[in-house]
Amino acid sequence: LLQVFTHSGGDFMEFEDYLNMMSVLSPSASALAKARWAFKVYDTQNKHILDREDIAKVIQDITTSEGDTDDKLNNEELRVIVDNVLKEVDLSGDGYITYEEFVQMASASQEFVDSFKIILN
C-alpha cells in the first residue's frame, strides 16, 4: 500500500498521502476511485496489466492465512481459479486484464466496492 499511495513510492507516508489513501478506502468513495487504486495495488510490477502471475498472487494472498502454508492452494486449484478470473474479466481474450477491463468489472461489482474499504471505529 505504501508504494501505491505515496508520491515517492518510498517507505514512509506523508500526511497528504495518508489522507488520499483514507479517502479512497472510505465507505463513501466512488466505485471508480476504488477500482483505479485497486488496480495499482494489484499491479505490483507496474506493467499496466494484470497477467496470470499477478492474478495468482492476489488469489494466494487472499486465500492463505499469514504464516499458514496449509491453506495454500495447490497449483491445479490456482490454475483453475486464474482461468476462471480471466474468462470473466479478460473481455478481449488476450490472456491478461487491462486497466479498462478491471475498472469495468470492479465498478460494476458491489461486492468489490464493499470490500475495498477501511472502517474506523
N, C-alpha and C. Protein backbone atom coordinates (compact mmCIF):
# COMPACT_ATOMS: atom_id res chain seq x y z
N LEU A 1 0.82 -1.20 0.00
CA LEU A 1 0.00 0.00 0.00
C LEU A 1 0.86 1.26 0.00
N LEU A 2 1.98 1.21 0.69
CA LEU A 2 2.85 2.39 0.72
C LEU A 2 3.32 2.77 -0.68
N GLN A 3 3.71 1.81 -1.48
CA GLN A 3 4.19 2.11 -2.82
C GLN A 3 3.10 2.74 -3.68
N VAL A 4 1.87 2.33 -3.46
CA VAL A 4 0.76 2.84 -4.27
C VAL A 4 0.34 4.24 -3.83
N PHE A 5 0.27 4.46 -2.55
CA PHE A 5 -0.30 5.70 -2.05
C PHE A 5 0.70 6.81 -1.72
N THR A 6 2.00 6.53 -1.80
CA THR A 6 2.96 7.59 -1.54
C THR A 6 3.41 8.21 -2.86
N HIS A 7 3.64 9.49 -2.85
CA HIS A 7 4.12 10.17 -4.05
C HIS A 7 5.49 9.66 -4.45
N SER A 8 6.32 9.37 -3.47
CA SER A 8 7.69 8.96 -3.74
C SER A 8 7.82 7.45 -3.92
N GLY A 9 6.78 6.69 -3.55
CA GLY A 9 6.88 5.23 -3.61
C GLY A 9 7.82 4.68 -2.57
N GLY A 10 8.13 5.48 -1.56
CA GLY A 10 9.11 5.12 -0.55
C GLY A 10 8.53 4.34 0.62
N ASP A 11 9.29 4.37 1.70
CA ASP A 11 8.95 3.59 2.88
C ASP A 11 8.21 4.39 3.94
N PHE A 12 7.84 5.62 3.64
CA PHE A 12 7.08 6.40 4.61
C PHE A 12 5.98 7.16 3.88
N MET A 13 4.99 7.54 4.64
CA MET A 13 3.82 8.20 4.07
C MET A 13 3.69 9.59 4.67
N GLU A 14 3.58 10.57 3.81
CA GLU A 14 3.33 11.92 4.27
C GLU A 14 1.84 12.06 4.59
N PHE A 15 1.50 13.10 5.33
CA PHE A 15 0.11 13.28 5.76
C PHE A 15 -0.84 13.38 4.57
N GLU A 16 -0.46 14.08 3.52
CA GLU A 16 -1.31 14.17 2.32
C GLU A 16 -1.55 12.81 1.70
N ASP A 17 -0.52 11.97 1.66
CA ASP A 17 -0.66 10.61 1.14
C ASP A 17 -1.65 9.82 1.98
N TYR A 18 -1.52 9.98 3.30
CA TYR A 18 -2.43 9.27 4.22
C TYR A 18 -3.88 9.70 3.98
N LEU A 19 -4.10 11.00 3.84
CA LEU A 19 -5.46 11.48 3.58
C LEU A 19 -6.00 10.94 2.27
N ASN A 20 -5.16 10.90 1.26
CA ASN A 20 -5.57 10.37 -0.03
C ASN A 20 -5.97 8.89 0.10
N MET A 21 -5.14 8.11 0.78
CA MET A 21 -5.43 6.69 0.98
C MET A 21 -6.73 6.50 1.74
N MET A 22 -6.91 7.26 2.81
CA MET A 22 -8.12 7.10 3.61
C MET A 22 -9.37 7.53 2.84
N SER A 23 -9.25 8.52 1.97
CA SER A 23 -10.42 8.92 1.19
C SER A 23 -10.80 7.84 0.19
N VAL A 24 -9.83 7.18 -0.42
CA VAL A 24 -10.12 6.10 -1.37
C VAL A 24 -10.69 4.88 -0.63
N LEU A 25 -10.20 4.61 0.56
CA LEU A 25 -10.65 3.44 1.32
C LEU A 25 -11.88 3.72 2.18
N SER A 26 -12.39 4.94 2.13
CA SER A 26 -13.58 5.24 2.92
C SER A 26 -14.82 4.62 2.27
N PRO A 27 -15.82 4.27 3.06
CA PRO A 27 -17.04 3.69 2.50
C PRO A 27 -17.75 4.61 1.51
N SER A 28 -17.51 5.91 1.58
CA SER A 28 -18.21 6.83 0.68
C SER A 28 -17.48 7.09 -0.63
N ALA A 29 -16.29 6.55 -0.82
CA ALA A 29 -15.56 6.74 -2.08
C ALA A 29 -16.30 6.05 -3.22
N SER A 30 -16.18 6.62 -4.40
CA SER A 30 -16.88 6.05 -5.57
C SER A 30 -16.27 4.72 -5.98
N ALA A 31 -17.06 3.92 -6.66
CA ALA A 31 -16.58 2.63 -7.17
C ALA A 31 -15.43 2.85 -8.15
N LEU A 32 -15.52 3.88 -8.96
CA LEU A 32 -14.47 4.16 -9.92
C LEU A 32 -13.15 4.51 -9.22
N ALA A 33 -13.21 5.33 -8.19
CA ALA A 33 -11.99 5.68 -7.44
C ALA A 33 -11.38 4.44 -6.81
N LYS A 34 -12.20 3.60 -6.22
CA LYS A 34 -11.70 2.37 -5.60
C LYS A 34 -11.06 1.46 -6.65
N ALA A 35 -11.71 1.34 -7.81
CA ALA A 35 -11.19 0.48 -8.87
C ALA A 35 -9.85 0.98 -9.39
N ARG A 36 -9.71 2.27 -9.56
CA ARG A 36 -8.44 2.84 -10.03
C ARG A 36 -7.30 2.48 -9.10
N TRP A 37 -7.52 2.69 -7.80
CA TRP A 37 -6.47 2.42 -6.84
C TRP A 37 -6.23 0.93 -6.64
N ALA A 38 -7.28 0.14 -6.68
CA ALA A 38 -7.12 -1.31 -6.52
C ALA A 38 -6.25 -1.87 -7.64
N PHE A 39 -6.46 -1.39 -8.86
CA PHE A 39 -5.63 -1.87 -9.97
C PHE A 39 -4.16 -1.61 -9.67
N LYS A 40 -3.87 -0.43 -9.15
CA LYS A 40 -2.48 -0.11 -8.82
C LYS A 40 -1.93 -1.02 -7.72
N VAL A 41 -2.77 -1.37 -6.76
CA VAL A 41 -2.35 -2.28 -5.69
C VAL A 41 -2.03 -3.66 -6.27
N TYR A 42 -2.86 -4.15 -7.17
CA TYR A 42 -2.68 -5.49 -7.73
C TYR A 42 -1.59 -5.54 -8.79
N ASP A 43 -1.32 -4.45 -9.46
CA ASP A 43 -0.28 -4.38 -10.49
C ASP A 43 1.07 -4.12 -9.81
N THR A 44 1.55 -5.12 -9.11
CA THR A 44 2.74 -4.95 -8.26
C THR A 44 4.01 -4.68 -9.05
N GLN A 45 4.07 -5.08 -10.32
CA GLN A 45 5.27 -4.87 -11.13
C GLN A 45 5.13 -3.65 -12.04
N ASN A 46 4.03 -2.91 -11.88
CA ASN A 46 3.79 -1.68 -12.64
C ASN A 46 3.87 -1.91 -14.16
N LYS A 47 3.23 -3.01 -14.62
CA LYS A 47 3.22 -3.35 -16.04
C LYS A 47 2.00 -2.78 -16.75
N HIS A 48 1.08 -2.24 -15.99
CA HIS A 48 -0.17 -1.65 -16.50
C HIS A 48 -1.12 -2.71 -17.06
N ILE A 49 -0.88 -3.95 -16.68
CA ILE A 49 -1.79 -5.06 -16.96
C ILE A 49 -1.73 -6.01 -15.77
N LEU A 50 -2.74 -6.85 -15.64
CA LEU A 50 -2.70 -7.92 -14.64
C LEU A 50 -2.61 -9.23 -15.41
N ASP A 51 -1.45 -9.87 -15.33
CA ASP A 51 -1.26 -11.13 -16.04
C ASP A 51 -1.53 -12.30 -15.08
N ARG A 52 -1.33 -13.51 -15.58
CA ARG A 52 -1.61 -14.71 -14.78
C ARG A 52 -0.85 -14.68 -13.45
N GLU A 53 0.40 -14.21 -13.48
CA GLU A 53 1.22 -14.15 -12.27
C GLU A 53 0.62 -13.19 -11.24
N ASP A 54 0.19 -12.02 -11.69
CA ASP A 54 -0.43 -11.03 -10.79
C ASP A 54 -1.72 -11.58 -10.19
N ILE A 55 -2.54 -12.19 -11.03
CA ILE A 55 -3.82 -12.73 -10.57
C ILE A 55 -3.59 -13.85 -9.56
N ALA A 56 -2.63 -14.73 -9.86
CA ALA A 56 -2.31 -15.83 -8.94
C ALA A 56 -1.82 -15.31 -7.60
N LYS A 57 -1.01 -14.25 -7.61
CA LYS A 57 -0.51 -13.67 -6.36
C LYS A 57 -1.65 -13.11 -5.53
N VAL A 58 -2.57 -12.40 -6.16
CA VAL A 58 -3.71 -11.85 -5.43
C VAL A 58 -4.54 -12.98 -4.83
N ILE A 59 -4.79 -14.02 -5.61
CA ILE A 59 -5.60 -15.14 -5.12
C ILE A 59 -4.90 -15.83 -3.94
N GLN A 60 -3.61 -16.06 -4.07
CA GLN A 60 -2.86 -16.68 -2.96
C GLN A 60 -2.90 -15.78 -1.73
N ASP A 61 -2.75 -14.49 -1.92
CA ASP A 61 -2.75 -13.56 -0.78
C ASP A 61 -4.09 -13.56 -0.05
N ILE A 62 -5.19 -13.64 -0.78
CA ILE A 62 -6.49 -13.56 -0.11
C ILE A 62 -7.02 -14.90 0.38
N THR A 63 -6.39 -16.00 -0.06
CA THR A 63 -6.87 -17.32 0.37
C THR A 63 -5.96 -18.01 1.37
N THR A 64 -4.81 -17.44 1.64
CA THR A 64 -3.85 -18.05 2.56
C THR A 64 -3.71 -17.19 3.81
N SER A 65 -3.88 -17.80 4.95
CA SER A 65 -3.67 -17.09 6.21
C SER A 65 -2.19 -16.79 6.36
N GLU A 66 -1.88 -15.65 6.95
CA GLU A 66 -0.48 -15.25 7.12
C GLU A 66 0.27 -16.30 7.93
N GLY A 67 1.35 -16.80 7.36
CA GLY A 67 2.19 -17.78 8.04
C GLY A 67 1.65 -19.19 8.02
N ASP A 68 0.49 -19.44 7.40
CA ASP A 68 -0.11 -20.77 7.39
C ASP A 68 -0.10 -21.32 5.97
N THR A 69 0.90 -22.13 5.66
CA THR A 69 1.01 -22.68 4.32
C THR A 69 0.08 -23.88 4.10
N ASP A 70 -0.57 -24.37 5.15
CA ASP A 70 -1.50 -25.49 5.00
C ASP A 70 -2.73 -25.07 4.18
N ASP A 71 -3.09 -23.79 4.23
CA ASP A 71 -4.25 -23.28 3.49
C ASP A 71 -3.94 -22.98 2.04
N LYS A 72 -2.68 -23.04 1.66
CA LYS A 72 -2.25 -22.64 0.32
C LYS A 72 -2.88 -23.55 -0.74
N LEU A 73 -3.38 -22.90 -1.80
CA LEU A 73 -3.95 -23.66 -2.91
C LEU A 73 -2.86 -24.42 -3.65
N ASN A 74 -3.20 -25.61 -4.14
CA ASN A 74 -2.21 -26.32 -4.96
C ASN A 74 -2.21 -25.71 -6.37
N ASN A 75 -1.23 -26.07 -7.16
CA ASN A 75 -1.06 -25.46 -8.48
C ASN A 75 -2.28 -25.64 -9.38
N GLU A 76 -2.91 -26.78 -9.34
CA GLU A 76 -4.08 -27.03 -10.20
C GLU A 76 -5.26 -26.18 -9.76
N GLU A 77 -5.51 -26.09 -8.45
CA GLU A 77 -6.59 -25.24 -7.95
C GLU A 77 -6.37 -23.79 -8.34
N LEU A 78 -5.14 -23.35 -8.19
CA LEU A 78 -4.81 -21.98 -8.53
C LEU A 78 -4.99 -21.73 -10.03
N ARG A 79 -4.55 -22.65 -10.87
CA ARG A 79 -4.70 -22.50 -12.32
C ARG A 79 -6.16 -22.40 -12.71
N VAL A 80 -7.02 -23.23 -12.12
CA VAL A 80 -8.45 -23.21 -12.43
C VAL A 80 -9.06 -21.86 -12.05
N ILE A 81 -8.71 -21.36 -10.88
CA ILE A 81 -9.25 -20.07 -10.44
C ILE A 81 -8.77 -18.94 -11.36
N VAL A 82 -7.48 -18.92 -11.68
CA VAL A 82 -6.95 -17.89 -12.58
C VAL A 82 -7.64 -17.97 -13.93
N ASP A 83 -7.82 -19.18 -14.46
CA ASP A 83 -8.53 -19.36 -15.74
C ASP A 83 -9.94 -18.78 -15.65
N ASN A 84 -10.63 -19.04 -14.55
CA ASN A 84 -11.99 -18.52 -14.38
C ASN A 84 -12.02 -17.00 -14.28
N VAL A 85 -11.06 -16.43 -13.58
CA VAL A 85 -10.98 -14.96 -13.48
C VAL A 85 -10.77 -14.37 -14.87
N LEU A 86 -9.84 -14.92 -15.61
CA LEU A 86 -9.58 -14.42 -16.96
C LEU A 86 -10.80 -14.59 -17.87
N LYS A 87 -11.48 -15.71 -17.73
CA LYS A 87 -12.68 -15.95 -18.54
C LYS A 87 -13.75 -14.89 -18.28
N GLU A 88 -13.87 -14.48 -17.02
CA GLU A 88 -14.89 -13.49 -16.64
C GLU A 88 -14.48 -12.05 -16.95
N VAL A 89 -13.21 -11.71 -16.78
CA VAL A 89 -12.80 -10.30 -16.80
C VAL A 89 -12.04 -9.92 -18.07
N ASP A 90 -11.30 -10.84 -18.65
CA ASP A 90 -10.50 -10.55 -19.85
C ASP A 90 -11.41 -10.52 -21.08
N LEU A 91 -12.06 -9.40 -21.29
CA LEU A 91 -13.05 -9.28 -22.36
C LEU A 91 -12.45 -9.41 -23.75
N SER A 92 -11.20 -9.02 -23.92
CA SER A 92 -10.55 -9.09 -25.24
C SER A 92 -9.97 -10.46 -25.53
N GLY A 93 -9.83 -11.31 -24.51
CA GLY A 93 -9.30 -12.66 -24.70
C GLY A 93 -7.81 -12.71 -24.98
N ASP A 94 -7.07 -11.67 -24.57
CA ASP A 94 -5.63 -11.63 -24.85
C ASP A 94 -4.76 -12.24 -23.75
N GLY A 95 -5.39 -12.80 -22.72
CA GLY A 95 -4.64 -13.51 -21.69
C GLY A 95 -4.22 -12.68 -20.50
N TYR A 96 -4.66 -11.43 -20.44
CA TYR A 96 -4.38 -10.59 -19.28
C TYR A 96 -5.52 -9.58 -19.12
N ILE A 97 -5.55 -8.93 -17.97
CA ILE A 97 -6.60 -7.96 -17.67
C ILE A 97 -6.00 -6.57 -17.80
N THR A 98 -6.61 -5.77 -18.67
CA THR A 98 -6.16 -4.39 -18.82
C THR A 98 -6.78 -3.53 -17.73
N TYR A 99 -6.26 -2.35 -17.60
CA TYR A 99 -6.82 -1.38 -16.66
C TYR A 99 -8.30 -1.16 -16.94
N GLU A 100 -8.65 -0.97 -18.21
CA GLU A 100 -10.04 -0.70 -18.59
C GLU A 100 -10.95 -1.87 -18.24
N GLU A 101 -10.49 -3.10 -18.51
CA GLU A 101 -11.29 -4.28 -18.18
C GLU A 101 -11.48 -4.39 -16.67
N PHE A 102 -10.42 -4.14 -15.93
CA PHE A 102 -10.50 -4.22 -14.47
C PHE A 102 -11.48 -3.19 -13.92
N VAL A 103 -11.35 -1.95 -14.38
CA VAL A 103 -12.23 -0.88 -13.89
C VAL A 103 -13.69 -1.19 -14.23
N GLN A 104 -13.93 -1.71 -15.42
CA GLN A 104 -15.30 -2.06 -15.80
C GLN A 104 -15.87 -3.13 -14.87
N MET A 105 -15.09 -4.17 -14.59
CA MET A 105 -15.55 -5.24 -13.71
C MET A 105 -15.73 -4.75 -12.28
N ALA A 106 -14.72 -4.06 -11.76
CA ALA A 106 -14.75 -3.65 -10.36
C ALA A 106 -15.83 -2.61 -10.10
N SER A 107 -16.01 -1.69 -11.02
CA SER A 107 -17.02 -0.64 -10.83
C SER A 107 -18.44 -1.21 -10.82
N ALA A 108 -18.62 -2.32 -11.51
CA ALA A 108 -19.95 -2.94 -11.59
C ALA A 108 -20.22 -3.92 -10.45
N SER A 109 -19.21 -4.20 -9.63
CA SER A 109 -19.34 -5.20 -8.58
C SER A 109 -19.53 -4.55 -7.21
N GLN A 110 -20.71 -4.65 -6.68
CA GLN A 110 -20.97 -4.09 -5.35
C GLN A 110 -20.13 -4.81 -4.29
N GLU A 111 -19.91 -6.09 -4.49
CA GLU A 111 -19.08 -6.85 -3.55
C GLU A 111 -17.66 -6.28 -3.49
N PHE A 112 -17.11 -5.93 -4.66
CA PHE A 112 -15.78 -5.32 -4.69
C PHE A 112 -15.80 -3.99 -3.95
N VAL A 113 -16.75 -3.15 -4.27
CA VAL A 113 -16.85 -1.83 -3.64
C VAL A 113 -16.96 -1.96 -2.13
N ASP A 114 -17.77 -2.92 -1.68
CA ASP A 114 -17.96 -3.12 -0.24
C ASP A 114 -16.71 -3.64 0.46
N SER A 115 -15.88 -4.38 -0.25
CA SER A 115 -14.70 -4.99 0.40
C SER A 115 -13.47 -4.10 0.34
N PHE A 116 -13.42 -3.14 -0.57
CA PHE A 116 -12.23 -2.29 -0.70
C PHE A 116 -12.43 -1.03 0.14
N LYS A 117 -12.41 -1.23 1.46
CA LYS A 117 -12.60 -0.10 2.38
C LYS A 117 -12.02 -0.43 3.74
N ILE A 118 -11.83 0.62 4.51
CA ILE A 118 -11.42 0.51 5.89
C ILE A 118 -12.47 1.24 6.72
N ILE A 119 -12.96 0.58 7.75
CA ILE A 119 -13.91 1.22 8.65
C ILE A 119 -13.23 1.47 9.98
N LEU A 120 -13.18 2.71 10.38
CA LEU A 120 -12.56 3.07 11.65
C LEU A 120 -13.65 3.29 12.68
N ASN A 121 -13.50 2.67 13.81
CA ASN A 121 -14.48 2.83 14.89
C ASN A 121 -13.83 3.53 16.08
